[in-house]
Amino acid sequence: MPAALAALALLLPLAGPEGPVDLSVRPGSTLAYTLVHKFHEVTGVSKAVEGKARLLPGGGVQVMVRARVDSFDSGNGNRDAHMLEATEAARFPFVTLKAVGALPPPAAYPATAEVTLQGELTFHGVTKPVALPVKVELAAPDRASATGKLTISLDGYGVERPSLLFVKVDDALVVTATLSLAAGL
């Protein structure tokens, strides 16, 4: 789910010539998933997003972000319990993204950039490569916001798709990240 969190990687302009700069996901950041069923659409939101990005002086970035699977709330306790069962959250408590990318520094702030990052998403005990399109708004050298969206296959990650009235949800799980990022946290 946190694949979109690779947006942290877009903050390359913060890397100084002296050494790497570390950034953290700030409170208020969210991850959301959306599932579609023939009769309705379900959205679950997590506000328990953790993450770090290391911005390297040469323009590279290394990112690791995760969220607890049990932190997503759809507003329906029964539905959430069913999702925890389907994703085996007790056995696989985290969804984790590791990604790398590069972005030239902006000429001035504020600045906006779009980039596709390459990484690996681990969900339900399965690790798969992902390409993640991300939009970042750099407010200052030490502050930014980032948004990204990624679609993954529940079947591809070995998740038994939940069903209602014997009809399973669609295979596509859309993950959306809205992040606030800052140095020094």
N, C-alpha and C. Protein backbone atom coordinates (compact mmCIF):
# COMPACT_ATOMS: atom_id res chain seq x y z
N MET A 1 0.80 -1.20 0.00
CA MET A 1 0.00 0.00 0.00
C MET A 1 0.85 1.27 0.00
N PRO A 2 1.93 1.25 0.71
CA PRO A 2 2.67 2.47 0.69
C PRO A 2 3.54 2.67 -0.50
N ALA A 3 3.35 2.00 -1.63
CA ALA A 3 4.16 2.21 -2.78
C ALA A 3 4.21 3.66 -3.17
N ALA A 4 3.14 4.35 -3.10
CA ALA A 4 3.11 5.75 -3.43
C ALA A 4 3.98 6.57 -2.51
N LEU A 5 4.35 6.05 -1.40
CA LEU A 5 5.21 6.78 -0.47
C LEU A 5 6.59 7.00 -1.02
N ALA A 6 6.95 6.37 -2.08
CA ALA A 6 8.26 6.61 -2.68
C ALA A 6 8.39 8.06 -3.11
N ALA A 7 7.32 8.81 -3.00
CA ALA A 7 7.36 10.23 -3.30
C ALA A 7 8.43 10.93 -2.48
N LEU A 8 8.81 10.36 -1.37
CA LEU A 8 9.90 10.93 -0.57
C LEU A 8 11.15 11.10 -1.42
N ALA A 9 11.33 10.24 -2.35
CA ALA A 9 12.53 10.25 -3.16
C ALA A 9 12.67 11.50 -4.01
N LEU A 10 11.63 12.22 -4.18
CA LEU A 10 11.66 13.38 -5.05
C LEU A 10 12.33 14.60 -4.43
N LEU A 11 12.73 14.52 -3.21
CA LEU A 11 13.26 15.69 -2.53
C LEU A 11 14.77 15.81 -2.68
N LEU A 12 15.30 15.37 -3.77
CA LEU A 12 16.73 15.42 -4.03
C LEU A 12 17.35 16.80 -3.87
N PRO A 13 16.64 17.88 -4.19
CA PRO A 13 17.26 19.18 -4.06
C PRO A 13 17.72 19.48 -2.64
N LEU A 14 17.26 18.75 -1.66
CA LEU A 14 17.67 19.01 -0.29
C LEU A 14 19.06 18.47 0.00
N ALA A 15 19.59 17.61 -0.83
CA ALA A 15 20.91 17.04 -0.57
C ALA A 15 21.98 18.10 -0.76
N GLY A 16 22.79 18.26 0.23
CA GLY A 16 23.85 19.25 0.17
C GLY A 16 25.14 18.64 -0.31
N PRO A 17 26.10 19.46 -0.72
CA PRO A 17 27.37 18.95 -1.22
C PRO A 17 28.19 18.30 -0.10
N GLU A 18 27.88 18.61 1.17
CA GLU A 18 28.66 18.09 2.29
C GLU A 18 28.34 16.63 2.60
N GLY A 19 27.14 16.21 2.35
CA GLY A 19 26.75 14.85 2.69
C GLY A 19 25.28 14.62 2.48
N PRO A 20 24.81 13.44 2.83
CA PRO A 20 23.39 13.12 2.64
C PRO A 20 22.49 13.91 3.58
N VAL A 21 21.24 14.05 3.17
CA VAL A 21 20.20 14.70 3.98
C VAL A 21 19.11 13.68 4.21
N ASP A 22 18.66 13.55 5.47
CA ASP A 22 17.59 12.63 5.80
C ASP A 22 16.28 13.38 5.99
N LEU A 23 15.22 12.83 5.41
CA LEU A 23 13.87 13.40 5.50
C LEU A 23 12.95 12.38 6.16
N SER A 24 11.91 12.87 6.79
CA SER A 24 10.94 11.99 7.45
C SER A 24 9.52 12.34 7.02
N VAL A 25 8.66 11.32 7.04
CA VAL A 25 7.23 11.53 6.81
C VAL A 25 6.68 12.21 8.06
N ARG A 26 5.92 13.27 7.85
CA ARG A 26 5.37 14.05 8.97
C ARG A 26 3.95 13.61 9.31
N PRO A 27 3.51 13.88 10.54
CA PRO A 27 2.11 13.62 10.90
C PRO A 27 1.17 14.35 9.94
N GLY A 28 0.05 13.73 9.69
CA GLY A 28 -0.91 14.29 8.73
C GLY A 28 -0.82 13.61 7.38
N SER A 29 0.25 12.85 7.15
CA SER A 29 0.39 12.10 5.90
C SER A 29 -0.58 10.92 5.92
N THR A 30 -1.07 10.54 4.75
CA THR A 30 -2.00 9.42 4.67
C THR A 30 -1.68 8.49 3.52
N LEU A 31 -2.09 7.25 3.69
CA LEU A 31 -2.13 6.25 2.63
C LEU A 31 -3.58 5.78 2.55
N ALA A 32 -4.06 5.57 1.37
CA ALA A 32 -5.42 5.08 1.20
C ALA A 32 -5.43 3.98 0.16
N TYR A 33 -6.31 3.01 0.35
CA TYR A 33 -6.52 1.99 -0.67
C TYR A 33 -7.98 2.07 -1.11
N THR A 34 -8.22 1.71 -2.35
CA THR A 34 -9.58 1.65 -2.88
C THR A 34 -9.77 0.31 -3.57
N LEU A 35 -10.84 -0.37 -3.19
CA LEU A 35 -11.25 -1.63 -3.79
C LEU A 35 -12.63 -1.43 -4.41
N VAL A 36 -12.88 -2.10 -5.52
CA VAL A 36 -14.19 -1.99 -6.17
C VAL A 36 -14.87 -3.35 -6.14
N HIS A 37 -16.13 -3.33 -5.70
CA HIS A 37 -17.00 -4.50 -5.72
C HIS A 37 -18.17 -4.16 -6.64
N LYS A 38 -18.78 -5.15 -7.19
CA LYS A 38 -19.90 -4.94 -8.10
C LYS A 38 -20.96 -4.01 -7.50
N PHE A 39 -21.17 -4.07 -6.17
CA PHE A 39 -22.22 -3.30 -5.53
C PHE A 39 -21.76 -2.00 -4.86
N HIS A 40 -20.46 -1.85 -4.63
CA HIS A 40 -19.96 -0.64 -3.97
C HIS A 40 -18.44 -0.51 -4.09
N GLU A 41 -17.95 0.63 -3.67
CA GLU A 41 -16.51 0.90 -3.64
C GLU A 41 -16.09 1.08 -2.18
N VAL A 42 -14.94 0.57 -1.82
CA VAL A 42 -14.44 0.64 -0.45
C VAL A 42 -13.12 1.40 -0.43
N THR A 43 -13.00 2.36 0.50
CA THR A 43 -11.75 3.09 0.70
C THR A 43 -11.35 2.97 2.16
N GLY A 44 -10.10 2.58 2.38
CA GLY A 44 -9.54 2.51 3.73
C GLY A 44 -8.37 3.47 3.82
N VAL A 45 -8.24 4.16 4.94
CA VAL A 45 -7.20 5.19 5.10
C VAL A 45 -6.34 4.87 6.32
N SER A 46 -5.03 5.03 6.15
CA SER A 46 -4.09 4.92 7.26
C SER A 46 -3.41 6.26 7.49
N LYS A 47 -3.37 6.67 8.75
CA LYS A 47 -2.64 7.88 9.13
C LYS A 47 -1.36 7.51 9.86
N ALA A 48 -1.06 6.21 9.93
CA ALA A 48 0.13 5.71 10.62
C ALA A 48 1.23 5.37 9.61
N VAL A 49 1.67 6.37 8.89
CA VAL A 49 2.68 6.20 7.85
C VAL A 49 4.05 6.52 8.43
N GLU A 50 5.01 5.62 8.25
CA GLU A 50 6.38 5.83 8.70
C GLU A 50 7.28 5.84 7.48
N GLY A 51 8.33 6.66 7.52
CA GLY A 51 9.23 6.63 6.38
C GLY A 51 10.42 7.53 6.52
N LYS A 52 11.45 7.18 5.77
CA LYS A 52 12.70 7.94 5.70
C LYS A 52 13.17 7.94 4.26
N ALA A 53 13.80 9.02 3.89
CA ALA A 53 14.48 9.10 2.59
C ALA A 53 15.86 9.67 2.83
N ARG A 54 16.83 9.09 2.20
CA ARG A 54 18.20 9.61 2.26
C ARG A 54 18.52 10.21 0.90
N LEU A 55 18.79 11.52 0.90
CA LEU A 55 19.10 12.25 -0.31
C LEU A 55 20.62 12.36 -0.41
N LEU A 56 21.17 11.88 -1.50
CA LEU A 56 22.60 11.81 -1.66
C LEU A 56 23.14 13.00 -2.46
N PRO A 57 24.35 13.45 -2.16
CA PRO A 57 24.91 14.63 -2.83
C PRO A 57 24.96 14.51 -4.35
N GLY A 58 25.13 13.31 -4.89
CA GLY A 58 25.20 13.14 -6.33
C GLY A 58 23.86 13.17 -7.04
N GLY A 59 22.76 13.37 -6.32
CA GLY A 59 21.45 13.44 -6.95
C GLY A 59 20.62 12.18 -6.79
N GLY A 60 21.17 11.15 -6.17
CA GLY A 60 20.41 9.92 -5.95
C GLY A 60 19.63 9.99 -4.65
N VAL A 61 18.71 9.07 -4.50
CA VAL A 61 17.91 9.00 -3.28
C VAL A 61 17.59 7.55 -2.97
N GLN A 62 17.56 7.23 -1.68
CA GLN A 62 17.17 5.90 -1.21
C GLN A 62 15.97 6.10 -0.28
N VAL A 63 14.93 5.28 -0.46
CA VAL A 63 13.69 5.47 0.29
C VAL A 63 13.26 4.14 0.91
N MET A 64 12.78 4.21 2.15
CA MET A 64 12.14 3.07 2.81
C MET A 64 10.94 3.63 3.56
N VAL A 65 9.77 3.12 3.23
CA VAL A 65 8.53 3.58 3.84
C VAL A 65 7.68 2.35 4.18
N ARG A 66 6.95 2.44 5.29
CA ARG A 66 6.07 1.33 5.65
C ARG A 66 4.84 1.83 6.41
N ALA A 67 3.83 0.95 6.44
CA ALA A 67 2.61 1.20 7.23
C ALA A 67 2.12 -0.14 7.75
N ARG A 68 1.53 -0.12 8.93
CA ARG A 68 0.94 -1.33 9.48
C ARG A 68 -0.36 -1.62 8.72
N VAL A 69 -0.54 -2.85 8.33
CA VAL A 69 -1.74 -3.26 7.61
C VAL A 69 -2.98 -3.03 8.47
N ASP A 70 -2.85 -3.20 9.80
CA ASP A 70 -4.01 -3.03 10.67
C ASP A 70 -4.34 -1.57 10.97
N SER A 71 -3.61 -0.63 10.38
CA SER A 71 -3.87 0.80 10.62
C SER A 71 -4.87 1.40 9.63
N PHE A 72 -5.32 0.64 8.65
CA PHE A 72 -6.25 1.17 7.65
C PHE A 72 -7.68 1.08 8.17
N ASP A 73 -8.43 2.17 8.01
CA ASP A 73 -9.79 2.27 8.52
C ASP A 73 -10.73 2.65 7.38
N SER A 74 -11.71 1.80 7.13
CA SER A 74 -12.69 2.07 6.07
C SER A 74 -13.97 2.68 6.62
N GLY A 75 -14.05 2.82 7.94
CA GLY A 75 -15.27 3.32 8.56
C GLY A 75 -16.27 2.23 8.87
N ASN A 76 -15.91 0.97 8.56
CA ASN A 76 -16.79 -0.17 8.82
C ASN A 76 -15.95 -1.25 9.50
N GLY A 77 -16.14 -1.44 10.79
CA GLY A 77 -15.34 -2.39 11.56
C GLY A 77 -15.40 -3.81 11.05
N ASN A 78 -16.57 -4.26 10.61
CA ASN A 78 -16.70 -5.62 10.07
C ASN A 78 -15.89 -5.78 8.78
N ARG A 79 -15.97 -4.78 7.92
CA ARG A 79 -15.22 -4.82 6.67
C ARG A 79 -13.72 -4.82 6.96
N ASP A 80 -13.29 -3.98 7.91
CA ASP A 80 -11.87 -3.91 8.25
C ASP A 80 -11.38 -5.24 8.82
N ALA A 81 -12.18 -5.87 9.66
CA ALA A 81 -11.81 -7.16 10.22
C ALA A 81 -11.67 -8.21 9.11
N HIS A 82 -12.56 -8.16 8.14
CA HIS A 82 -12.48 -9.09 7.00
C HIS A 82 -11.22 -8.83 6.18
N MET A 83 -10.86 -7.56 6.00
CA MET A 83 -9.64 -7.23 5.25
C MET A 83 -8.40 -7.71 6.00
N LEU A 84 -8.39 -7.56 7.33
CA LEU A 84 -7.25 -8.03 8.13
C LEU A 84 -7.10 -9.54 8.00
N GLU A 85 -8.24 -10.23 7.95
CA GLU A 85 -8.22 -11.67 7.77
C GLU A 85 -7.70 -12.03 6.38
N ALA A 86 -8.20 -11.35 5.35
CA ALA A 86 -7.79 -11.64 3.97
C ALA A 86 -6.32 -11.35 3.73
N THR A 87 -5.80 -10.29 4.36
CA THR A 87 -4.39 -9.93 4.16
C THR A 87 -3.47 -10.60 5.16
N GLU A 88 -4.04 -11.40 6.07
CA GLU A 88 -3.27 -12.10 7.10
C GLU A 88 -2.36 -11.11 7.85
N ALA A 89 -2.97 -10.04 8.35
CA ALA A 89 -2.24 -8.95 8.98
C ALA A 89 -1.43 -9.40 10.20
N ALA A 90 -1.88 -10.40 10.93
CA ALA A 90 -1.11 -10.88 12.08
C ALA A 90 0.19 -11.55 11.63
N ARG A 91 0.14 -12.19 10.49
CA ARG A 91 1.32 -12.88 9.93
C ARG A 91 2.21 -11.94 9.13
N PHE A 92 1.61 -10.98 8.43
CA PHE A 92 2.32 -10.01 7.60
C PHE A 92 1.89 -8.61 8.01
N PRO A 93 2.41 -8.09 9.12
CA PRO A 93 1.88 -6.85 9.71
C PRO A 93 2.20 -5.57 8.95
N PHE A 94 3.19 -5.57 8.07
CA PHE A 94 3.57 -4.34 7.39
C PHE A 94 3.50 -4.47 5.88
N VAL A 95 3.24 -3.36 5.24
CA VAL A 95 3.44 -3.22 3.81
C VAL A 95 4.60 -2.23 3.69
N THR A 96 5.62 -2.58 2.89
CA THR A 96 6.86 -1.82 2.85
C THR A 96 7.28 -1.52 1.41
N LEU A 97 7.76 -0.31 1.22
CA LEU A 97 8.29 0.10 -0.08
C LEU A 97 9.74 0.52 0.08
N LYS A 98 10.59 0.03 -0.82
CA LYS A 98 11.97 0.49 -0.93
C LYS A 98 12.13 0.93 -2.38
N ALA A 99 12.62 2.17 -2.57
CA ALA A 99 12.70 2.71 -3.93
C ALA A 99 13.91 3.61 -4.09
N VAL A 100 14.30 3.80 -5.34
CA VAL A 100 15.39 4.71 -5.67
C VAL A 100 14.96 5.59 -6.84
N GLY A 101 15.61 6.73 -6.95
CA GLY A 101 15.31 7.63 -8.05
C GLY A 101 16.31 8.76 -8.10
N ALA A 102 16.08 9.67 -9.02
CA ALA A 102 16.93 10.84 -9.19
C ALA A 102 16.11 11.98 -9.77
N LEU A 103 16.45 13.20 -9.36
CA LEU A 103 15.75 14.38 -9.83
C LEU A 103 16.69 15.57 -9.74
N PRO A 104 16.83 16.34 -10.81
CA PRO A 104 17.69 17.52 -10.73
C PRO A 104 17.12 18.55 -9.75
N PRO A 105 17.99 19.30 -9.06
CA PRO A 105 17.50 20.33 -8.13
C PRO A 105 16.72 21.42 -8.86
N PRO A 106 15.72 22.00 -8.19
CA PRO A 106 14.96 23.08 -8.83
C PRO A 106 15.79 24.36 -8.88
N ALA A 107 15.46 25.22 -9.83
CA ALA A 107 16.14 26.52 -9.94
C ALA A 107 15.70 27.45 -8.82
N ALA A 108 14.45 27.30 -8.37
CA ALA A 108 13.91 28.17 -7.32
C ALA A 108 12.77 27.45 -6.60
N TYR A 109 12.41 27.97 -5.44
CA TYR A 109 11.29 27.45 -4.66
C TYR A 109 10.17 28.47 -4.64
N PRO A 110 8.92 28.08 -4.64
CA PRO A 110 8.43 26.70 -4.72
C PRO A 110 8.61 26.13 -6.12
N ALA A 111 8.62 24.80 -6.19
CA ALA A 111 8.79 24.10 -7.47
C ALA A 111 7.94 22.84 -7.46
N THR A 112 7.55 22.41 -8.64
CA THR A 112 6.78 21.18 -8.80
C THR A 112 7.49 20.28 -9.80
N ALA A 113 7.50 18.98 -9.52
CA ALA A 113 8.14 18.03 -10.42
C ALA A 113 7.34 16.74 -10.44
N GLU A 114 7.44 16.03 -11.56
CA GLU A 114 6.84 14.71 -11.69
C GLU A 114 7.93 13.75 -12.14
N VAL A 115 7.94 12.56 -11.54
CA VAL A 115 8.97 11.57 -11.85
C VAL A 115 8.41 10.18 -11.60
N THR A 116 9.00 9.18 -12.22
CA THR A 116 8.66 7.79 -11.95
C THR A 116 9.83 7.14 -11.24
N LEU A 117 9.57 6.60 -10.06
CA LEU A 117 10.59 5.94 -9.24
C LEU A 117 10.52 4.43 -9.44
N GLN A 118 11.64 3.77 -9.24
CA GLN A 118 11.72 2.32 -9.36
C GLN A 118 11.96 1.72 -7.98
N GLY A 119 11.24 0.67 -7.64
CA GLY A 119 11.43 0.09 -6.32
C GLY A 119 10.82 -1.28 -6.19
N GLU A 120 10.72 -1.71 -4.92
CA GLU A 120 10.11 -3.00 -4.59
C GLU A 120 9.06 -2.78 -3.51
N LEU A 121 7.89 -3.38 -3.73
CA LEU A 121 6.81 -3.32 -2.76
C LEU A 121 6.65 -4.71 -2.14
N THR A 122 6.69 -4.76 -0.80
CA THR A 122 6.46 -6.01 -0.09
C THR A 122 5.11 -5.91 0.60
N PHE A 123 4.21 -6.82 0.24
CA PHE A 123 2.85 -6.84 0.76
C PHE A 123 2.43 -8.31 0.87
N HIS A 124 1.87 -8.70 1.99
CA HIS A 124 1.40 -10.06 2.20
C HIS A 124 2.53 -11.07 2.01
N GLY A 125 3.75 -10.67 2.40
CA GLY A 125 4.90 -11.56 2.32
C GLY A 125 5.49 -11.74 0.94
N VAL A 126 4.99 -11.00 -0.04
CA VAL A 126 5.46 -11.10 -1.42
C VAL A 126 6.13 -9.78 -1.80
N THR A 127 7.30 -9.87 -2.44
CA THR A 127 8.00 -8.67 -2.90
C THR A 127 7.99 -8.66 -4.42
N LYS A 128 7.55 -7.51 -4.98
CA LYS A 128 7.48 -7.35 -6.44
C LYS A 128 8.04 -5.99 -6.83
N PRO A 129 8.63 -5.91 -8.03
CA PRO A 129 9.09 -4.60 -8.52
C PRO A 129 7.91 -3.70 -8.87
N VAL A 130 8.07 -2.40 -8.63
CA VAL A 130 7.04 -1.43 -8.99
C VAL A 130 7.69 -0.20 -9.61
N ALA A 131 6.95 0.43 -10.50
CA ALA A 131 7.31 1.74 -11.05
C ALA A 131 6.24 2.70 -10.54
N LEU A 132 6.66 3.76 -9.88
CA LEU A 132 5.73 4.63 -9.18
C LEU A 132 5.78 6.06 -9.70
N PRO A 133 4.72 6.53 -10.37
CA PRO A 133 4.66 7.94 -10.76
C PRO A 133 4.31 8.81 -9.56
N VAL A 134 5.05 9.90 -9.38
CA VAL A 134 4.87 10.75 -8.20
C VAL A 134 4.94 12.22 -8.62
N LYS A 135 4.11 13.04 -7.96
CA LYS A 135 4.17 14.50 -8.13
C LYS A 135 4.60 15.09 -6.79
N VAL A 136 5.61 15.96 -6.84
CA VAL A 136 6.09 16.57 -5.60
C VAL A 136 6.04 18.08 -5.73
N GLU A 137 5.66 18.72 -4.65
CA GLU A 137 5.68 20.17 -4.58
C GLU A 137 6.69 20.56 -3.51
N LEU A 138 7.78 21.16 -3.95
CA LEU A 138 8.86 21.58 -3.05
C LEU A 138 8.55 22.99 -2.57
N ALA A 139 8.21 23.11 -1.30
CA ALA A 139 7.88 24.42 -0.73
C ALA A 139 9.14 25.19 -0.38
N ALA A 140 10.17 24.49 0.08
CA ALA A 140 11.43 25.07 0.51
C ALA A 140 12.46 23.95 0.49
N PRO A 141 13.74 24.26 0.69
CA PRO A 141 14.75 23.21 0.68
C PRO A 141 14.55 22.13 1.75
N ASP A 142 13.74 22.40 2.77
CA ASP A 142 13.54 21.41 3.83
C ASP A 142 12.09 20.98 4.02
N ARG A 143 11.20 21.34 3.07
CA ARG A 143 9.77 21.00 3.19
C ARG A 143 9.17 20.70 1.82
N ALA A 144 8.31 19.69 1.80
CA ALA A 144 7.64 19.35 0.54
C ALA A 144 6.37 18.55 0.83
N SER A 145 5.55 18.44 -0.19
CA SER A 145 4.42 17.52 -0.15
C SER A 145 4.51 16.67 -1.41
N ALA A 146 4.03 15.45 -1.31
CA ALA A 146 4.13 14.53 -2.44
C ALA A 146 2.85 13.71 -2.54
N THR A 147 2.45 13.43 -3.76
CA THR A 147 1.29 12.58 -4.00
C THR A 147 1.63 11.56 -5.08
N GLY A 148 1.08 10.39 -4.93
CA GLY A 148 1.31 9.35 -5.93
C GLY A 148 0.19 8.33 -5.88
N LYS A 149 0.05 7.60 -6.98
CA LYS A 149 -1.00 6.59 -7.08
C LYS A 149 -0.43 5.38 -7.81
N LEU A 150 -0.77 4.21 -7.30
CA LEU A 150 -0.26 2.96 -7.85
C LEU A 150 -1.38 1.92 -7.80
N THR A 151 -1.50 1.12 -8.83
CA THR A 151 -2.46 0.02 -8.84
C THR A 151 -1.70 -1.30 -8.78
N ILE A 152 -2.08 -2.15 -7.82
CA ILE A 152 -1.46 -3.47 -7.72
C ILE A 152 -2.53 -4.54 -7.82
N SER A 153 -2.09 -5.78 -8.04
CA SER A 153 -2.99 -6.93 -8.16
C SER A 153 -3.03 -7.69 -6.84
N LEU A 154 -4.22 -7.84 -6.26
CA LEU A 154 -4.34 -8.65 -5.04
C LEU A 154 -3.94 -10.09 -5.32
N ASP A 155 -4.37 -10.63 -6.46
CA ASP A 155 -3.99 -12.00 -6.83
C ASP A 155 -2.47 -12.12 -6.95
N GLY A 156 -1.83 -11.11 -7.53
CA GLY A 156 -0.38 -11.11 -7.72
C GLY A 156 0.39 -11.15 -6.40
N TYR A 157 -0.22 -10.63 -5.34
CA TYR A 157 0.42 -10.64 -4.02
C TYR A 157 -0.12 -11.78 -3.14
N GLY A 158 -0.88 -12.69 -3.74
CA GLY A 158 -1.36 -13.86 -3.01
C GLY A 158 -2.44 -13.58 -1.98
N VAL A 159 -3.19 -12.48 -2.16
CA VAL A 159 -4.25 -12.13 -1.23
C VAL A 159 -5.57 -12.70 -1.75
N GLU A 160 -6.25 -13.48 -0.90
CA GLU A 160 -7.57 -14.00 -1.24
C GLU A 160 -8.53 -12.82 -1.25
N ARG A 161 -9.08 -12.51 -2.42
CA ARG A 161 -9.96 -11.34 -2.54
C ARG A 161 -11.23 -11.51 -1.72
N PRO A 162 -11.55 -10.51 -0.88
CA PRO A 162 -12.79 -10.55 -0.10
C PRO A 162 -14.01 -10.60 -1.02
N SER A 163 -15.11 -11.15 -0.49
CA SER A 163 -16.33 -11.23 -1.29
C SER A 163 -17.53 -10.79 -0.47
N LEU A 164 -18.55 -10.37 -1.18
CA LEU A 164 -19.84 -10.01 -0.60
C LEU A 164 -20.90 -10.66 -1.46
N LEU A 165 -21.81 -11.40 -0.85
CA LEU A 165 -22.85 -12.13 -1.57
C LEU A 165 -22.25 -13.02 -2.66
N PHE A 166 -21.14 -13.67 -2.30
CA PHE A 166 -20.43 -14.62 -3.17
C PHE A 166 -19.78 -13.97 -4.39
N VAL A 167 -19.69 -12.65 -4.40
CA VAL A 167 -19.03 -11.94 -5.49
C VAL A 167 -17.76 -11.30 -4.93
N LYS A 168 -16.61 -11.65 -5.51
CA LYS A 168 -15.33 -11.11 -5.03
C LYS A 168 -15.12 -9.67 -5.49
N VAL A 169 -14.31 -8.93 -4.71
CA VAL A 169 -13.91 -7.59 -5.14
C VAL A 169 -13.03 -7.72 -6.37
N ASP A 170 -12.91 -6.65 -7.14
CA ASP A 170 -12.01 -6.65 -8.29
C ASP A 170 -10.58 -6.92 -7.83
N ASP A 171 -9.77 -7.42 -8.72
CA ASP A 171 -8.37 -7.75 -8.41
C ASP A 171 -7.53 -6.50 -8.16
N ALA A 172 -7.87 -5.39 -8.78
CA ALA A 172 -7.08 -4.16 -8.68
C ALA A 172 -7.26 -3.48 -7.33
N LEU A 173 -6.15 -3.18 -6.68
CA LEU A 173 -6.13 -2.41 -5.44
C LEU A 173 -5.40 -1.10 -5.77
N VAL A 174 -6.10 0.01 -5.68
CA VAL A 174 -5.50 1.32 -5.99
C VAL A 174 -5.02 1.93 -4.68
N VAL A 175 -3.75 2.29 -4.65
CA VAL A 175 -3.12 2.89 -3.47
C VAL A 175 -2.79 4.34 -3.78
N THR A 176 -3.21 5.24 -2.89
CA THR A 176 -2.94 6.67 -3.05
C THR A 176 -2.22 7.18 -1.81
N ALA A 177 -1.15 7.92 -2.02
CA ALA A 177 -0.40 8.51 -0.91
C ALA A 177 -0.47 10.03 -0.98
N THR A 178 -0.66 10.64 0.16
CA THR A 178 -0.60 12.09 0.30
C THR A 178 0.34 12.35 1.47
N LEU A 179 1.51 12.87 1.17
CA LEU A 179 2.56 12.96 2.18
C LEU A 179 3.01 14.38 2.44
N SER A 180 3.35 14.62 3.69
CA SER A 180 4.01 15.84 4.11
C SER A 180 5.39 15.41 4.58
N LEU A 181 6.44 16.08 4.10
CA LEU A 181 7.80 15.66 4.35
C LEU A 181 8.65 16.80 4.88
N ALA A 182 9.58 16.47 5.77
CA ALA A 182 10.46 17.51 6.29
C ALA A 182 11.76 16.90 6.80
N ALA A 183 12.81 17.70 6.81
CA ALA A 183 14.10 17.31 7.37
C ALA A 183 14.07 17.59 8.87
N GLY A 184 14.93 16.90 9.61
CA GLY A 184 15.10 17.19 11.02
C GLY A 184 14.06 16.65 11.96
N LEU A 185 13.24 15.70 11.54
CA LEU A 185 12.23 15.14 12.45
C LEU A 185 12.75 13.91 13.13
